[in-house]
N, C-alpha and C. Protein backbone atom coordinates (compact mmCIF):
# COMPACT_ATOMS: atom_id res chain seq x y z
N MET A 1 13.57 4.89 32.57
CA MET A 1 12.58 5.91 32.35
C MET A 1 11.20 5.28 32.15
N LYS A 2 11.14 4.15 31.39
CA LYS A 2 9.85 3.50 31.16
C LYS A 2 9.26 2.99 32.47
N ILE A 3 10.10 2.44 33.33
CA ILE A 3 9.61 1.90 34.60
C ILE A 3 9.10 3.04 35.47
N ALA A 4 9.82 4.18 35.49
CA ALA A 4 9.38 5.32 36.29
C ALA A 4 8.05 5.85 35.76
N LEU A 5 7.91 5.93 34.42
CA LEU A 5 6.67 6.39 33.82
C LEU A 5 5.52 5.43 34.14
N ALA A 6 5.79 4.14 34.01
CA ALA A 6 4.76 3.14 34.32
C ALA A 6 4.33 3.23 35.77
N THR A 7 5.30 3.41 36.68
CA THR A 7 4.99 3.53 38.10
C THR A 7 4.16 4.77 38.36
N SER A 8 4.52 5.89 37.72
CA SER A 8 3.76 7.12 37.89
C SER A 8 2.33 6.96 37.40
N ILE A 9 2.17 6.32 36.24
CA ILE A 9 0.83 6.11 35.69
C ILE A 9 0.00 5.27 36.64
N LEU A 10 0.59 4.19 37.16
CA LEU A 10 -0.14 3.32 38.08
C LEU A 10 -0.53 4.06 39.35
N CYS A 11 0.37 4.87 39.89
CA CYS A 11 0.08 5.62 41.12
C CYS A 11 -1.03 6.64 40.89
N VAL A 12 -0.95 7.39 39.81
CA VAL A 12 -1.97 8.39 39.51
C VAL A 12 -3.31 7.73 39.27
N SER A 13 -3.31 6.61 38.54
CA SER A 13 -4.57 5.90 38.28
C SER A 13 -5.21 5.43 39.58
N ALA A 14 -4.40 4.90 40.50
CA ALA A 14 -4.94 4.44 41.77
C ALA A 14 -5.52 5.61 42.57
N LEU A 15 -4.84 6.76 42.54
CA LEU A 15 -5.34 7.93 43.26
C LEU A 15 -6.65 8.43 42.66
N LEU A 16 -6.71 8.47 41.33
CA LEU A 16 -7.92 8.95 40.66
C LEU A 16 -9.09 8.00 40.89
N ALA A 17 -8.80 6.71 40.95
CA ALA A 17 -9.87 5.73 41.16
C ALA A 17 -10.40 5.80 42.59
N GLY A 18 -9.57 6.26 43.53
CA GLY A 18 -10.01 6.41 44.90
C GLY A 18 -10.23 5.09 45.61
N CYS A 19 -9.53 4.05 45.20
CA CYS A 19 -9.72 2.76 45.86
C CYS A 19 -8.37 2.24 46.30
N SER A 20 -8.41 1.40 47.31
CA SER A 20 -7.17 0.78 47.77
C SER A 20 -7.19 -0.69 47.37
N GLN A 21 -6.00 -1.25 47.23
CA GLN A 21 -5.90 -2.64 46.83
C GLN A 21 -5.89 -3.53 48.06
N THR A 22 -6.54 -4.66 47.94
CA THR A 22 -6.40 -5.68 48.96
C THR A 22 -5.09 -6.39 48.72
N PRO A 23 -4.54 -7.09 49.70
CA PRO A 23 -3.27 -7.79 49.45
C PRO A 23 -3.30 -8.69 48.22
N SER A 24 -4.40 -9.38 47.98
CA SER A 24 -4.43 -10.25 46.80
C SER A 24 -4.40 -9.45 45.51
N ASP A 25 -5.05 -8.27 45.47
CA ASP A 25 -4.98 -7.41 44.29
C ASP A 25 -3.56 -6.91 44.09
N ALA A 26 -2.92 -6.50 45.17
CA ALA A 26 -1.55 -5.99 45.08
C ALA A 26 -0.62 -7.07 44.56
N GLU A 27 -0.79 -8.29 45.05
CA GLU A 27 0.06 -9.38 44.59
C GLU A 27 -0.16 -9.66 43.11
N ALA A 28 -1.40 -9.56 42.66
CA ALA A 28 -1.70 -9.80 41.25
C ALA A 28 -1.05 -8.75 40.37
N ASP A 29 -0.84 -7.54 40.90
CA ASP A 29 -0.22 -6.47 40.13
C ASP A 29 1.28 -6.40 40.31
N GLY A 30 1.89 -7.43 40.90
CA GLY A 30 3.34 -7.46 41.00
C GLY A 30 3.90 -6.88 42.27
N ALA A 31 3.10 -6.71 43.31
CA ALA A 31 3.60 -6.22 44.58
C ALA A 31 3.36 -7.27 45.65
N SER A 32 4.15 -7.22 46.69
CA SER A 32 3.93 -8.14 47.79
C SER A 32 2.76 -7.66 48.62
N ALA A 33 2.29 -8.47 49.55
CA ALA A 33 1.18 -8.08 50.41
C ALA A 33 1.53 -6.83 51.21
N GLU A 34 2.83 -6.61 51.46
CA GLU A 34 3.26 -5.42 52.21
C GLU A 34 3.36 -4.19 51.30
N GLY A 35 3.14 -4.35 50.01
CA GLY A 35 3.16 -3.23 49.07
C GLY A 35 4.50 -3.00 48.41
N THR A 36 5.52 -3.77 48.74
CA THR A 36 6.81 -3.60 48.08
C THR A 36 6.81 -4.41 46.78
N PRO A 37 7.44 -3.87 45.74
CA PRO A 37 7.44 -4.58 44.46
C PRO A 37 8.14 -5.93 44.55
N LYS A 38 7.56 -6.91 43.89
CA LYS A 38 8.21 -8.21 43.75
C LYS A 38 9.18 -8.13 42.59
N VAL A 39 10.24 -8.88 42.67
CA VAL A 39 11.17 -8.96 41.55
C VAL A 39 10.60 -9.99 40.58
N ARG A 40 10.40 -9.58 39.35
CA ARG A 40 9.85 -10.46 38.33
C ARG A 40 10.97 -10.92 37.43
N GLU A 41 11.16 -12.21 37.34
CA GLU A 41 12.20 -12.74 36.47
C GLU A 41 11.77 -12.61 35.02
N PHE A 42 12.75 -12.44 34.16
CA PHE A 42 12.50 -12.37 32.73
C PHE A 42 12.54 -13.79 32.19
N LYS A 43 11.43 -14.51 32.40
CA LYS A 43 11.32 -15.90 31.99
C LYS A 43 10.05 -16.09 31.19
N GLY A 44 10.11 -16.96 30.23
CA GLY A 44 8.97 -17.26 29.38
C GLY A 44 9.48 -17.82 28.07
N LYS A 45 8.69 -17.63 27.02
CA LYS A 45 9.11 -18.12 25.71
C LYS A 45 8.65 -17.15 24.64
N VAL A 46 9.30 -17.23 23.51
CA VAL A 46 8.90 -16.43 22.35
C VAL A 46 7.71 -17.13 21.71
N ASP A 47 6.65 -16.39 21.46
CA ASP A 47 5.46 -16.94 20.81
C ASP A 47 5.48 -16.50 19.35
N PRO A 48 5.69 -17.44 18.42
CA PRO A 48 5.81 -17.07 17.01
C PRO A 48 4.58 -16.36 16.44
N THR A 49 3.41 -16.52 17.06
CA THR A 49 2.22 -15.84 16.55
C THR A 49 2.30 -14.33 16.75
N LEU A 50 3.17 -13.87 17.64
CA LEU A 50 3.32 -12.43 17.87
C LEU A 50 4.41 -11.80 17.02
N ALA A 51 5.28 -12.62 16.43
CA ALA A 51 6.38 -12.07 15.64
C ALA A 51 5.82 -11.28 14.46
N GLY A 52 6.38 -10.09 14.26
CA GLY A 52 5.95 -9.24 13.16
C GLY A 52 6.10 -7.78 13.52
N THR A 53 5.68 -6.93 12.61
CA THR A 53 5.73 -5.49 12.82
C THR A 53 4.31 -5.00 13.07
N TRP A 54 4.15 -4.28 14.17
CA TRP A 54 2.84 -3.85 14.64
C TRP A 54 2.76 -2.33 14.69
N LYS A 55 1.74 -1.78 14.04
CA LYS A 55 1.52 -0.33 14.02
C LYS A 55 0.34 0.00 14.92
N PRO A 56 0.50 1.01 15.79
CA PRO A 56 -0.60 1.34 16.71
C PRO A 56 -1.75 2.05 16.00
N GLU A 57 -2.98 1.86 16.53
CA GLU A 57 -4.13 2.60 16.01
C GLU A 57 -3.96 4.09 16.27
N GLN A 58 -3.44 4.42 17.45
CA GLN A 58 -3.18 5.81 17.80
C GLN A 58 -1.72 5.92 18.20
N GLY A 59 -1.08 6.98 17.81
CA GLY A 59 0.33 7.14 18.11
C GLY A 59 1.17 6.76 16.91
N ALA A 60 2.48 6.92 17.06
CA ALA A 60 3.36 6.72 15.92
C ALA A 60 4.54 5.80 16.21
N VAL A 61 4.53 5.10 17.34
CA VAL A 61 5.65 4.22 17.66
C VAL A 61 5.33 2.81 17.19
N ILE A 62 6.06 2.35 16.20
CA ILE A 62 5.87 1.03 15.62
C ILE A 62 6.69 0.02 16.43
N LEU A 63 6.09 -1.11 16.72
CA LEU A 63 6.70 -2.15 17.53
C LEU A 63 7.01 -3.35 16.63
N THR A 64 8.27 -3.76 16.61
CA THR A 64 8.65 -4.96 15.87
C THR A 64 9.09 -6.02 16.87
N LEU A 65 8.39 -7.15 16.84
CA LEU A 65 8.72 -8.30 17.69
C LEU A 65 9.30 -9.37 16.77
N ASN A 66 10.57 -9.63 16.91
CA ASN A 66 11.25 -10.60 16.04
C ASN A 66 11.14 -12.01 16.60
N SER A 67 11.20 -13.00 15.72
CA SER A 67 11.03 -14.40 16.12
C SER A 67 12.18 -14.92 16.98
N ASP A 68 13.29 -14.18 17.07
CA ASP A 68 14.40 -14.58 17.93
C ASP A 68 14.28 -13.98 19.33
N GLY A 69 13.19 -13.24 19.61
CA GLY A 69 12.99 -12.65 20.92
C GLY A 69 13.51 -11.23 21.04
N SER A 70 14.09 -10.69 19.98
CA SER A 70 14.52 -9.30 20.01
C SER A 70 13.35 -8.40 19.60
N SER A 71 13.44 -7.13 19.96
CA SER A 71 12.38 -6.19 19.61
C SER A 71 12.97 -4.83 19.28
N VAL A 72 12.17 -4.04 18.55
CA VAL A 72 12.54 -2.67 18.22
C VAL A 72 11.27 -1.83 18.35
N SER A 73 11.38 -0.72 19.08
CA SER A 73 10.32 0.29 19.12
C SER A 73 10.87 1.50 18.39
N ASP A 74 10.14 2.00 17.40
CA ASP A 74 10.65 3.11 16.59
C ASP A 74 9.52 4.04 16.21
N GLY A 75 9.74 5.34 16.44
CA GLY A 75 8.74 6.32 16.04
C GLY A 75 8.93 7.64 16.72
N ILE A 76 7.92 8.47 16.62
CA ILE A 76 7.93 9.83 17.17
C ILE A 76 6.99 9.87 18.37
N VAL A 77 7.50 10.39 19.48
CA VAL A 77 6.72 10.49 20.71
C VAL A 77 6.47 11.97 21.01
N PRO A 78 5.20 12.36 21.28
CA PRO A 78 4.94 13.76 21.64
C PRO A 78 5.54 14.09 23.01
N MET A 79 6.11 15.27 23.11
CA MET A 79 6.70 15.76 24.36
C MET A 79 6.05 17.10 24.70
N ASN A 80 6.36 17.65 25.86
CA ASN A 80 5.81 18.95 26.26
C ASN A 80 6.10 20.03 25.25
N LYS A 81 7.32 20.05 24.73
CA LYS A 81 7.72 21.09 23.78
C LYS A 81 8.17 20.45 22.48
N GLY A 82 7.24 19.85 21.76
CA GLY A 82 7.57 19.25 20.48
C GLY A 82 7.48 17.74 20.50
N THR A 83 8.40 17.09 19.80
CA THR A 83 8.39 15.64 19.68
C THR A 83 9.81 15.11 19.86
N MET A 84 9.90 13.79 20.04
CA MET A 84 11.20 13.14 20.18
C MET A 84 11.16 11.83 19.41
N HIS A 85 12.21 11.55 18.66
CA HIS A 85 12.31 10.28 17.95
C HIS A 85 12.85 9.24 18.91
N VAL A 86 12.19 8.08 18.98
CA VAL A 86 12.67 6.98 19.81
C VAL A 86 13.02 5.80 18.92
N HIS A 87 14.08 5.15 19.27
CA HIS A 87 14.51 3.93 18.60
C HIS A 87 15.12 3.07 19.70
N THR A 88 14.34 2.13 20.20
CA THR A 88 14.74 1.35 21.37
C THR A 88 14.84 -0.12 21.00
N LEU A 89 15.99 -0.71 21.28
CA LEU A 89 16.19 -2.13 21.09
C LEU A 89 15.83 -2.85 22.37
N GLY A 90 15.29 -4.06 22.26
CA GLY A 90 14.91 -4.78 23.46
C GLY A 90 14.78 -6.27 23.23
N LYS A 91 14.20 -6.91 24.24
CA LYS A 91 13.90 -8.34 24.19
C LYS A 91 12.47 -8.52 24.65
N TRP A 92 11.83 -9.60 24.20
CA TRP A 92 10.46 -9.89 24.62
C TRP A 92 10.27 -11.39 24.82
N LEU A 93 9.37 -11.72 25.75
CA LEU A 93 8.97 -13.10 26.02
C LEU A 93 7.51 -13.11 26.44
N ILE A 94 6.88 -14.25 26.31
CA ILE A 94 5.51 -14.46 26.78
C ILE A 94 5.55 -15.40 27.96
N ASP A 95 4.86 -15.04 29.03
CA ASP A 95 4.71 -15.89 30.21
C ASP A 95 3.22 -15.92 30.54
N GLY A 96 2.51 -16.89 29.96
CA GLY A 96 1.06 -16.97 30.16
C GLY A 96 0.36 -15.77 29.53
N GLU A 97 -0.35 -14.98 30.34
CA GLU A 97 -1.06 -13.80 29.86
C GLU A 97 -0.18 -12.56 29.86
N ASP A 98 1.09 -12.70 30.23
CA ASP A 98 1.98 -11.55 30.34
C ASP A 98 2.96 -11.49 29.17
N LEU A 99 3.08 -10.30 28.59
CA LEU A 99 4.11 -9.99 27.61
C LEU A 99 5.18 -9.25 28.40
N LEU A 100 6.36 -9.84 28.50
CA LEU A 100 7.46 -9.25 29.25
C LEU A 100 8.42 -8.60 28.27
N MET A 101 8.80 -7.35 28.56
CA MET A 101 9.71 -6.63 27.67
C MET A 101 10.83 -5.99 28.48
N LYS A 102 12.02 -6.05 27.93
CA LYS A 102 13.19 -5.37 28.50
C LYS A 102 13.82 -4.55 27.39
N SER A 103 14.37 -3.42 27.77
CA SER A 103 15.08 -2.61 26.79
C SER A 103 16.27 -1.95 27.45
N GLY A 104 17.18 -1.49 26.65
CA GLY A 104 18.36 -0.82 27.17
C GLY A 104 19.63 -1.42 26.59
N LYS A 105 20.75 -0.86 26.99
CA LYS A 105 22.04 -1.29 26.46
C LYS A 105 22.45 -2.67 26.96
N ASP A 106 22.06 -3.02 28.17
CA ASP A 106 22.52 -4.26 28.78
C ASP A 106 21.30 -5.03 29.29
N PHE A 107 20.58 -5.70 28.39
CA PHE A 107 19.31 -6.35 28.70
C PHE A 107 19.39 -7.29 29.90
N ASP A 108 20.42 -8.09 29.96
CA ASP A 108 20.48 -9.15 30.96
C ASP A 108 20.74 -8.65 32.37
N HIS A 109 21.18 -7.41 32.53
CA HIS A 109 21.48 -6.91 33.86
C HIS A 109 20.47 -5.87 34.35
N LEU A 110 19.40 -5.65 33.61
CA LEU A 110 18.35 -4.75 34.09
C LEU A 110 17.54 -5.50 35.13
N SER A 111 16.94 -4.77 36.06
CA SER A 111 16.25 -5.43 37.17
C SER A 111 14.97 -6.13 36.72
N ASP A 112 13.93 -5.42 36.44
CA ASP A 112 12.64 -6.03 36.15
C ASP A 112 12.18 -5.71 34.73
N PRO A 113 11.49 -6.65 34.11
CA PRO A 113 10.89 -6.35 32.80
C PRO A 113 9.63 -5.50 32.98
N ILE A 114 9.23 -4.84 31.92
CA ILE A 114 7.94 -4.17 31.90
C ILE A 114 6.92 -5.24 31.53
N ILE A 115 5.81 -5.29 32.26
CA ILE A 115 4.84 -6.37 32.10
C ILE A 115 3.54 -5.82 31.52
N TYR A 116 3.11 -6.41 30.42
CA TYR A 116 1.86 -6.06 29.75
C TYR A 116 0.95 -7.29 29.73
N LYS A 117 -0.33 -7.07 29.81
CA LYS A 117 -1.30 -8.11 29.49
C LYS A 117 -1.50 -8.03 27.98
N TRP A 118 -1.69 -9.16 27.32
CA TRP A 118 -1.79 -9.15 25.87
C TRP A 118 -2.88 -10.07 25.37
N LYS A 119 -3.34 -9.76 24.15
CA LYS A 119 -4.35 -10.58 23.49
C LYS A 119 -4.19 -10.37 21.98
N VAL A 120 -4.21 -11.45 21.24
CA VAL A 120 -4.16 -11.36 19.78
C VAL A 120 -5.50 -11.83 19.23
N ASP A 121 -6.04 -11.07 18.30
CA ASP A 121 -7.27 -11.43 17.61
C ASP A 121 -7.00 -11.22 16.12
N GLY A 122 -6.62 -12.29 15.44
CA GLY A 122 -6.27 -12.18 14.03
C GLY A 122 -5.02 -11.34 13.86
N GLU A 123 -5.15 -10.21 13.18
CA GLU A 123 -4.02 -9.31 12.93
C GLU A 123 -4.02 -8.13 13.89
N LYS A 124 -4.75 -8.24 15.01
CA LYS A 124 -4.83 -7.17 16.00
C LYS A 124 -4.22 -7.64 17.32
N LEU A 125 -3.31 -6.84 17.86
CA LEU A 125 -2.66 -7.11 19.14
C LEU A 125 -3.07 -6.01 20.11
N THR A 126 -3.63 -6.41 21.25
CA THR A 126 -4.00 -5.45 22.29
C THR A 126 -3.10 -5.70 23.49
N VAL A 127 -2.44 -4.65 23.96
CA VAL A 127 -1.59 -4.75 25.15
C VAL A 127 -2.03 -3.71 26.16
N LYS A 128 -1.93 -4.10 27.44
CA LYS A 128 -2.31 -3.20 28.52
C LYS A 128 -1.22 -3.24 29.57
N LEU A 129 -0.78 -2.08 30.01
CA LEU A 129 0.26 -1.98 31.02
C LEU A 129 -0.36 -2.16 32.39
N GLY A 130 -0.10 -3.31 33.03
CA GLY A 130 -0.63 -3.57 34.38
C GLY A 130 -2.15 -3.56 34.40
N SER A 131 -2.71 -3.36 35.58
CA SER A 131 -4.16 -3.32 35.73
C SER A 131 -4.74 -1.95 35.48
N TYR A 132 -3.94 -0.91 35.70
CA TYR A 132 -4.47 0.45 35.61
C TYR A 132 -3.89 1.25 34.46
N GLY A 133 -2.91 0.70 33.77
CA GLY A 133 -2.23 1.45 32.73
C GLY A 133 -3.03 1.54 31.44
N PRO A 134 -2.48 2.28 30.49
CA PRO A 134 -3.18 2.47 29.22
C PRO A 134 -3.20 1.19 28.38
N THR A 135 -4.20 1.09 27.53
CA THR A 135 -4.32 0.00 26.57
C THR A 135 -3.95 0.53 25.20
N THR A 136 -3.15 -0.23 24.48
CA THR A 136 -2.76 0.14 23.12
C THR A 136 -3.15 -0.99 22.19
N VAL A 137 -3.77 -0.63 21.07
CA VAL A 137 -4.17 -1.60 20.05
C VAL A 137 -3.25 -1.42 18.84
N TYR A 138 -2.65 -2.51 18.42
CA TYR A 138 -1.76 -2.53 17.26
C TYR A 138 -2.37 -3.39 16.17
N HIS A 139 -1.99 -3.10 14.92
CA HIS A 139 -2.37 -3.92 13.78
C HIS A 139 -1.10 -4.39 13.09
N ARG A 140 -1.07 -5.71 12.79
CA ARG A 140 0.11 -6.27 12.13
C ARG A 140 0.20 -5.69 10.72
N GLN A 141 1.41 -5.30 10.35
CA GLN A 141 1.65 -4.79 9.01
C GLN A 141 1.73 -5.95 8.05
N SER A 142 1.17 -5.81 6.88
CA SER A 142 1.12 -6.91 5.93
C SER A 142 2.52 -7.39 5.58
N GLY A 143 2.64 -8.71 5.47
CA GLY A 143 3.91 -9.32 5.09
C GLY A 143 4.95 -9.33 6.20
N SER A 144 4.55 -9.11 7.46
CA SER A 144 5.56 -9.00 8.52
C SER A 144 5.60 -10.22 9.44
N LYS A 145 4.96 -11.32 9.08
CA LYS A 145 5.00 -12.51 9.93
C LYS A 145 6.33 -13.20 9.85
């Protein structure tokens, strides 16, 4: 569901922007020059500076990144007719400027991770989904390192 939502957001953003990608732009966003998605391996390392519990500036889904590479997303998500509680277990790794996340019942057999660009500034974590996706700013909760 997350991958479908991310794909929809990227497609709508590209349509609204009214621009087309050059092959090099497409490749930078995880697609081949022909426009087909590249398979991204879930490879990287756990960065201990990111371990902790992060609360978003806007929204109610708290993200916990554990030092063993496991993660938990927990909170209330607005829906068309009310809200829904989410509690998602996952895994996370850092690969350069990319924060790779997988979630679901069988982490190791899912196809592609969700890829975010990330930046830490003190106790603030900023993540952005792809080049066109939304940016979310989190603040580390005290005592959660």
